[in-house]
Structure formats: structure tokens, C-alpha cells
Amino acid sequence: MHLQQDGFVHAGVVATMADHTAGVAAGSLAVPEVVVLTVEFKINLLRPAVGDRLRCRARVLRPGRQLTVAESEVFAGGDDGEKLVAKAMVTLAHVKANNDSA
């Protein structure tokens, strides 16, 4: 795990997980010739991320043809339980896939 100087999971790791998971959720609803790219996201870091694992889940709040809005939640913990450590709201644009092999 990527820890910062005080032993907590770095906020950049938490934000990356939240963004990536929201992108996967949005991409699962996109048509095959389209990819989704984040155009904006806001994250609330609710508490320090401690534990031996992170888990993230996301859901699409509003699918669209040009923009999709998703939210994601990041949990930290271990066998004794998990706590919500971050919540993100992510807006993703639908962009024509680049199928060039260059």
C-alpha cells in the first residue's frame, strides 16, 4: 500500500481509486465505440485511511449520451471491519474511441 509520512494511505491513492472505479461504472453503460474520460471530480476525504486493505464501489447516478455522473466510495479496514474514508462525485465525458494502432 502507498503510505504517506504519517502511515496513512496517501490521499492521491484514495482519489485515484475513486476516480478509476467511477470510470469503470460509467464505462460499463457506454456504447462500444465510446470511452469515458473524467472531466471533473470532487472528493471528500472523510477520515484517514488505515487498515490492511482498501475497497471501492461506484454507481452511476445519471447516465447520458454526452456526460455521465457517477459516485464512488472508498472503504479502508481489515478483517475486523471497514470504515468509509472517502466519497467522490465524478463527471465523465463520452468520447469516440481511438482505435488507431499507432
N, C-alpha and C. Protein backbone atom coordinates (compact mmCIF):
# COMPACT_ATOMS: atom_id res chain seq x y z
N MET A 1 0.84 -1.17 0.00
CA MET A 1 0.00 0.00 0.00
C MET A 1 0.89 1.25 0.00
N HIS A 2 0.43 2.30 -0.59
CA HIS A 2 1.20 3.53 -0.68
C HIS A 2 0.83 4.46 0.48
N LEU A 3 1.75 4.56 1.42
CA LEU A 3 1.50 5.35 2.62
C LEU A 3 2.22 6.69 2.54
N GLN A 4 1.63 7.69 3.20
CA GLN A 4 2.31 8.96 3.32
C GLN A 4 3.16 8.96 4.59
N GLN A 5 3.78 10.08 4.92
CA GLN A 5 4.76 10.14 6.01
C GLN A 5 4.22 9.78 7.38
N ASP A 6 2.91 9.88 7.61
CA ASP A 6 2.33 9.57 8.92
C ASP A 6 1.73 8.17 9.00
N GLY A 7 1.90 7.37 7.95
CA GLY A 7 1.44 5.99 7.97
C GLY A 7 0.03 5.75 7.47
N PHE A 8 -0.62 6.80 6.97
CA PHE A 8 -1.94 6.65 6.38
C PHE A 8 -1.81 6.46 4.88
N VAL A 9 -2.81 5.84 4.26
CA VAL A 9 -2.80 5.71 2.80
C VAL A 9 -2.85 7.11 2.21
N HIS A 10 -2.00 7.36 1.24
CA HIS A 10 -1.90 8.69 0.62
C HIS A 10 -3.22 9.06 -0.04
N ALA A 11 -3.63 10.32 0.11
CA ALA A 11 -4.88 10.80 -0.46
C ALA A 11 -4.91 10.62 -1.98
N GLY A 12 -3.77 10.71 -2.63
CA GLY A 12 -3.71 10.51 -4.08
C GLY A 12 -4.11 9.09 -4.47
N VAL A 13 -3.75 8.12 -3.66
CA VAL A 13 -4.14 6.73 -3.91
C VAL A 13 -5.65 6.58 -3.76
N VAL A 14 -6.19 7.16 -2.70
CA VAL A 14 -7.63 7.09 -2.45
C VAL A 14 -8.39 7.77 -3.60
N ALA A 15 -7.93 8.94 -4.02
CA ALA A 15 -8.59 9.68 -5.11
C ALA A 15 -8.50 8.91 -6.43
N THR A 16 -7.36 8.29 -6.68
CA THR A 16 -7.21 7.50 -7.91
C THR A 16 -8.18 6.33 -7.93
N MET A 17 -8.31 5.64 -6.81
CA MET A 17 -9.26 4.53 -6.73
C MET A 17 -10.69 5.01 -6.99
N ALA A 18 -11.06 6.11 -6.35
CA ALA A 18 -12.41 6.64 -6.51
C ALA A 18 -12.69 7.03 -7.96
N ASP A 19 -11.74 7.70 -8.60
CA ASP A 19 -11.90 8.13 -9.99
C ASP A 19 -11.97 6.92 -10.92
N HIS A 20 -11.05 5.99 -10.74
CA HIS A 20 -11.00 4.82 -11.63
C HIS A 20 -12.26 3.97 -11.52
N THR A 21 -12.73 3.75 -10.31
CA THR A 21 -13.91 2.91 -10.11
C THR A 21 -15.16 3.56 -10.68
N ALA A 22 -15.28 4.89 -10.51
CA ALA A 22 -16.41 5.60 -11.13
C ALA A 22 -16.33 5.49 -12.65
N GLY A 23 -15.12 5.56 -13.20
CA GLY A 23 -14.95 5.41 -14.65
C GLY A 23 -15.36 4.04 -15.16
N VAL A 24 -15.04 3.02 -14.40
CA VAL A 24 -15.44 1.66 -14.80
C VAL A 24 -16.97 1.53 -14.76
N ALA A 25 -17.59 2.08 -13.72
CA ALA A 25 -19.05 2.02 -13.63
C ALA A 25 -19.69 2.74 -14.83
N ALA A 26 -19.19 3.94 -15.13
CA ALA A 26 -19.74 4.70 -16.26
C ALA A 26 -19.46 3.99 -17.58
N GLY A 27 -18.27 3.47 -17.72
CA GLY A 27 -17.89 2.77 -18.96
C GLY A 27 -18.71 1.52 -19.21
N SER A 28 -19.19 0.90 -18.15
CA SER A 28 -19.99 -0.32 -18.32
C SER A 28 -21.33 -0.03 -19.00
N LEU A 29 -21.75 1.22 -19.01
CA LEU A 29 -23.01 1.60 -19.65
C LEU A 29 -22.82 2.29 -20.99
N ALA A 30 -21.57 2.54 -21.38
CA ALA A 30 -21.29 3.25 -22.63
C ALA A 30 -21.42 2.30 -23.83
N VAL A 31 -21.76 2.86 -24.97
CA VAL A 31 -21.83 2.06 -26.20
C VAL A 31 -20.41 1.66 -26.60
N PRO A 32 -20.25 0.58 -27.38
CA PRO A 32 -18.92 0.04 -27.66
C PRO A 32 -17.93 1.00 -28.32
N GLU A 33 -18.40 1.91 -29.15
CA GLU A 33 -17.47 2.80 -29.86
C GLU A 33 -17.09 4.04 -29.05
N VAL A 34 -17.46 4.06 -27.78
CA VAL A 34 -17.22 5.23 -26.92
C VAL A 34 -16.41 4.82 -25.70
N VAL A 35 -15.51 5.72 -25.27
CA VAL A 35 -14.84 5.57 -23.98
C VAL A 35 -15.28 6.74 -23.10
N VAL A 36 -15.11 6.59 -21.81
CA VAL A 36 -15.47 7.68 -20.90
C VAL A 36 -14.20 8.24 -20.28
N LEU A 37 -14.15 9.56 -20.20
CA LEU A 37 -12.99 10.24 -19.62
C LEU A 37 -13.48 11.22 -18.56
N THR A 38 -12.80 11.25 -17.43
CA THR A 38 -13.18 12.17 -16.36
C THR A 38 -12.95 13.61 -16.80
N VAL A 39 -13.98 14.43 -16.61
CA VAL A 39 -13.85 15.86 -16.88
C VAL A 39 -13.86 16.67 -15.58
N GLU A 40 -14.38 16.07 -14.53
CA GLU A 40 -14.42 16.77 -13.25
C GLU A 40 -14.66 15.76 -12.15
N PHE A 41 -14.01 15.95 -11.00
CA PHE A 41 -14.41 15.17 -9.84
C PHE A 41 -14.12 15.94 -8.56
N LYS A 42 -14.95 15.66 -7.59
CA LYS A 42 -14.81 16.23 -6.26
C LYS A 42 -14.75 15.07 -5.29
N ILE A 43 -13.82 15.15 -4.37
CA ILE A 43 -13.69 14.07 -3.39
C ILE A 43 -13.71 14.66 -1.99
N ASN A 44 -14.43 13.99 -1.11
CA ASN A 44 -14.42 14.31 0.31
C ASN A 44 -13.63 13.21 1.01
N LEU A 45 -12.53 13.60 1.62
CA LEU A 45 -11.72 12.67 2.41
C LEU A 45 -12.27 12.75 3.83
N LEU A 46 -12.97 11.71 4.26
CA LEU A 46 -13.75 11.75 5.48
C LEU A 46 -12.95 11.41 6.74
N ARG A 47 -11.95 10.55 6.59
CA ARG A 47 -11.10 10.17 7.73
C ARG A 47 -9.84 9.54 7.15
N PRO A 48 -8.78 9.46 7.95
CA PRO A 48 -7.55 8.81 7.46
C PRO A 48 -7.83 7.36 7.07
N ALA A 49 -7.23 6.93 5.98
CA ALA A 49 -7.39 5.56 5.51
C ALA A 49 -6.35 4.68 6.19
N VAL A 50 -6.82 3.82 7.10
CA VAL A 50 -5.94 2.89 7.80
C VAL A 50 -6.51 1.48 7.68
N GLY A 51 -5.62 0.52 7.72
CA GLY A 51 -6.03 -0.87 7.61
C GLY A 51 -5.13 -1.60 6.63
N ASP A 52 -5.44 -2.87 6.43
CA ASP A 52 -4.59 -3.64 5.52
C ASP A 52 -5.19 -3.77 4.12
N ARG A 53 -6.33 -3.13 3.88
CA ARG A 53 -6.88 -3.16 2.52
C ARG A 53 -7.83 -1.98 2.28
N LEU A 54 -7.98 -1.67 1.02
CA LEU A 54 -8.93 -0.67 0.56
C LEU A 54 -9.94 -1.35 -0.35
N ARG A 55 -11.17 -0.86 -0.31
CA ARG A 55 -12.21 -1.37 -1.20
C ARG A 55 -12.98 -0.16 -1.72
N CYS A 56 -13.32 -0.20 -2.98
CA CYS A 56 -14.05 0.91 -3.58
C CYS A 56 -15.25 0.37 -4.34
N ARG A 57 -16.36 1.11 -4.25
CA ARG A 57 -17.53 0.75 -5.05
C ARG A 57 -18.07 2.03 -5.66
N ALA A 58 -18.70 1.88 -6.81
CA ALA A 58 -19.23 3.04 -7.52
C ALA A 58 -20.56 2.68 -8.16
N ARG A 59 -21.33 3.72 -8.42
CA ARG A 59 -22.59 3.54 -9.14
C ARG A 59 -22.85 4.77 -9.98
N VAL A 60 -23.52 4.54 -11.07
CA VAL A 60 -23.89 5.63 -11.97
C VAL A 60 -25.15 6.28 -11.43
N LEU A 61 -25.09 7.58 -11.25
CA LEU A 61 -26.25 8.33 -10.79
C LEU A 61 -27.11 8.81 -11.95
N ARG A 62 -26.43 9.22 -13.03
CA ARG A 62 -27.16 9.69 -14.21
C ARG A 62 -26.38 9.35 -15.47
N PRO A 63 -26.84 8.34 -16.20
CA PRO A 63 -26.19 8.03 -17.48
C PRO A 63 -26.66 9.02 -18.54
N GLY A 64 -25.81 9.29 -19.49
CA GLY A 64 -26.18 10.20 -20.56
C GLY A 64 -25.47 9.83 -21.85
N ARG A 65 -25.82 10.54 -22.91
CA ARG A 65 -25.15 10.30 -24.21
C ARG A 65 -23.84 11.05 -24.31
N GLN A 66 -23.74 12.21 -23.67
CA GLN A 66 -22.51 13.01 -23.72
C GLN A 66 -21.77 13.05 -22.39
N LEU A 67 -22.52 13.09 -21.29
CA LEU A 67 -21.93 13.12 -19.96
C LEU A 67 -22.64 12.11 -19.07
N THR A 68 -21.87 11.50 -18.18
CA THR A 68 -22.41 10.59 -17.19
C THR A 68 -21.90 11.04 -15.82
N VAL A 69 -22.75 10.96 -14.81
CA VAL A 69 -22.36 11.31 -13.45
C VAL A 69 -22.39 10.03 -12.60
N ALA A 70 -21.30 9.82 -11.89
CA ALA A 70 -21.19 8.64 -11.03
C ALA A 70 -20.67 9.07 -9.66
N GLU A 71 -20.91 8.23 -8.67
CA GLU A 71 -20.33 8.47 -7.36
C GLU A 71 -19.57 7.22 -6.94
N SER A 72 -18.56 7.41 -6.14
CA SER A 72 -17.81 6.27 -5.63
C SER A 72 -17.49 6.47 -4.17
N GLU A 73 -17.33 5.36 -3.48
CA GLU A 73 -17.00 5.36 -2.06
C GLU A 73 -15.79 4.45 -1.85
N VAL A 74 -14.86 4.92 -1.02
CA VAL A 74 -13.67 4.15 -0.69
C VAL A 74 -13.73 3.78 0.79
N PHE A 75 -13.49 2.51 1.07
CA PHE A 75 -13.51 1.98 2.43
C PHE A 75 -12.12 1.46 2.77
N ALA A 76 -11.71 1.61 4.02
CA ALA A 76 -10.44 1.07 4.49
C ALA A 76 -10.72 0.22 5.72
N GLY A 77 -9.90 -0.81 5.91
CA GLY A 77 -10.07 -1.65 7.09
C GLY A 77 -9.40 -2.98 6.93
N GLY A 78 -9.98 -3.94 7.63
CA GLY A 78 -9.43 -5.28 7.62
C GLY A 78 -10.49 -6.27 8.02
N ASP A 79 -10.05 -7.39 8.58
CA ASP A 79 -10.98 -8.45 8.97
C ASP A 79 -11.95 -8.01 10.07
N ASP A 80 -11.57 -7.00 10.84
CA ASP A 80 -12.44 -6.54 11.93
C ASP A 80 -13.44 -5.48 11.48
N GLY A 81 -13.51 -5.20 10.19
CA GLY A 81 -14.48 -4.26 9.67
C GLY A 81 -13.86 -3.17 8.81
N GLU A 82 -14.72 -2.41 8.19
CA GLU A 82 -14.30 -1.33 7.29
C GLU A 82 -14.98 -0.03 7.69
N LYS A 83 -14.33 1.06 7.33
CA LYS A 83 -14.93 2.38 7.54
C LYS A 83 -14.87 3.15 6.22
N LEU A 84 -15.90 3.93 5.98
CA LEU A 84 -15.93 4.81 4.81
C LEU A 84 -14.90 5.90 5.02
N VAL A 85 -13.93 6.02 4.10
CA VAL A 85 -12.88 7.03 4.24
C VAL A 85 -12.98 8.14 3.21
N ALA A 86 -13.70 7.91 2.11
CA ALA A 86 -13.82 8.95 1.08
C ALA A 86 -15.05 8.71 0.23
N LYS A 87 -15.57 9.81 -0.29
CA LYS A 87 -16.71 9.75 -1.20
C LYS A 87 -16.43 10.75 -2.31
N ALA A 88 -16.64 10.33 -3.56
CA ALA A 88 -16.36 11.18 -4.72
C ALA A 88 -17.56 11.27 -5.64
N MET A 89 -17.69 12.42 -6.27
CA MET A 89 -18.69 12.65 -7.32
C MET A 89 -17.88 12.91 -8.60
N VAL A 90 -18.15 12.13 -9.63
CA VAL A 90 -17.33 12.17 -10.85
C VAL A 90 -18.21 12.40 -12.07
N THR A 91 -17.82 13.36 -12.90
CA THR A 91 -18.49 13.60 -14.17
C THR A 91 -17.57 13.11 -15.28
N LEU A 92 -18.12 12.31 -16.19
CA LEU A 92 -17.32 11.72 -17.26
C LEU A 92 -17.92 12.05 -18.61
N ALA A 93 -17.05 12.39 -19.57
CA ALA A 93 -17.48 12.70 -20.93
C ALA A 93 -17.39 11.45 -21.78
N HIS A 94 -18.32 11.31 -22.70
CA HIS A 94 -18.31 10.23 -23.67
C HIS A 94 -17.54 10.70 -24.89
N VAL A 95 -16.47 9.98 -25.23
CA VAL A 95 -15.59 10.36 -26.32
C VAL A 95 -15.45 9.18 -27.26
N LYS A 96 -15.45 9.49 -28.56
CA LYS A 96 -15.28 8.43 -29.56
C LYS A 96 -13.95 7.71 -29.31
N ALA A 97 -13.99 6.38 -29.28
CA ALA A 97 -12.79 5.59 -29.02
C ALA A 97 -11.79 5.77 -30.15
N ASN A 98 -10.52 5.83 -29.76
CA ASN A 98 -9.44 5.92 -30.74
C ASN A 98 -8.94 4.50 -30.99
N ASN A 99 -9.30 3.95 -32.14
CA ASN A 99 -8.93 2.57 -32.44
C ASN A 99 -7.68 2.47 -33.30
N ASP A 100 -6.92 3.56 -33.39
CA ASP A 100 -5.67 3.53 -34.15
C ASP A 100 -4.67 2.67 -33.42
N SER A 101 -3.86 1.97 -34.16
CA SER A 101 -2.83 1.13 -33.55
C SER A 101 -1.51 1.86 -33.44
N ALA A 102 -1.49 3.16 -33.71
CA ALA A 102 -0.24 3.93 -33.68
C ALA A 102 0.27 4.19 -32.31
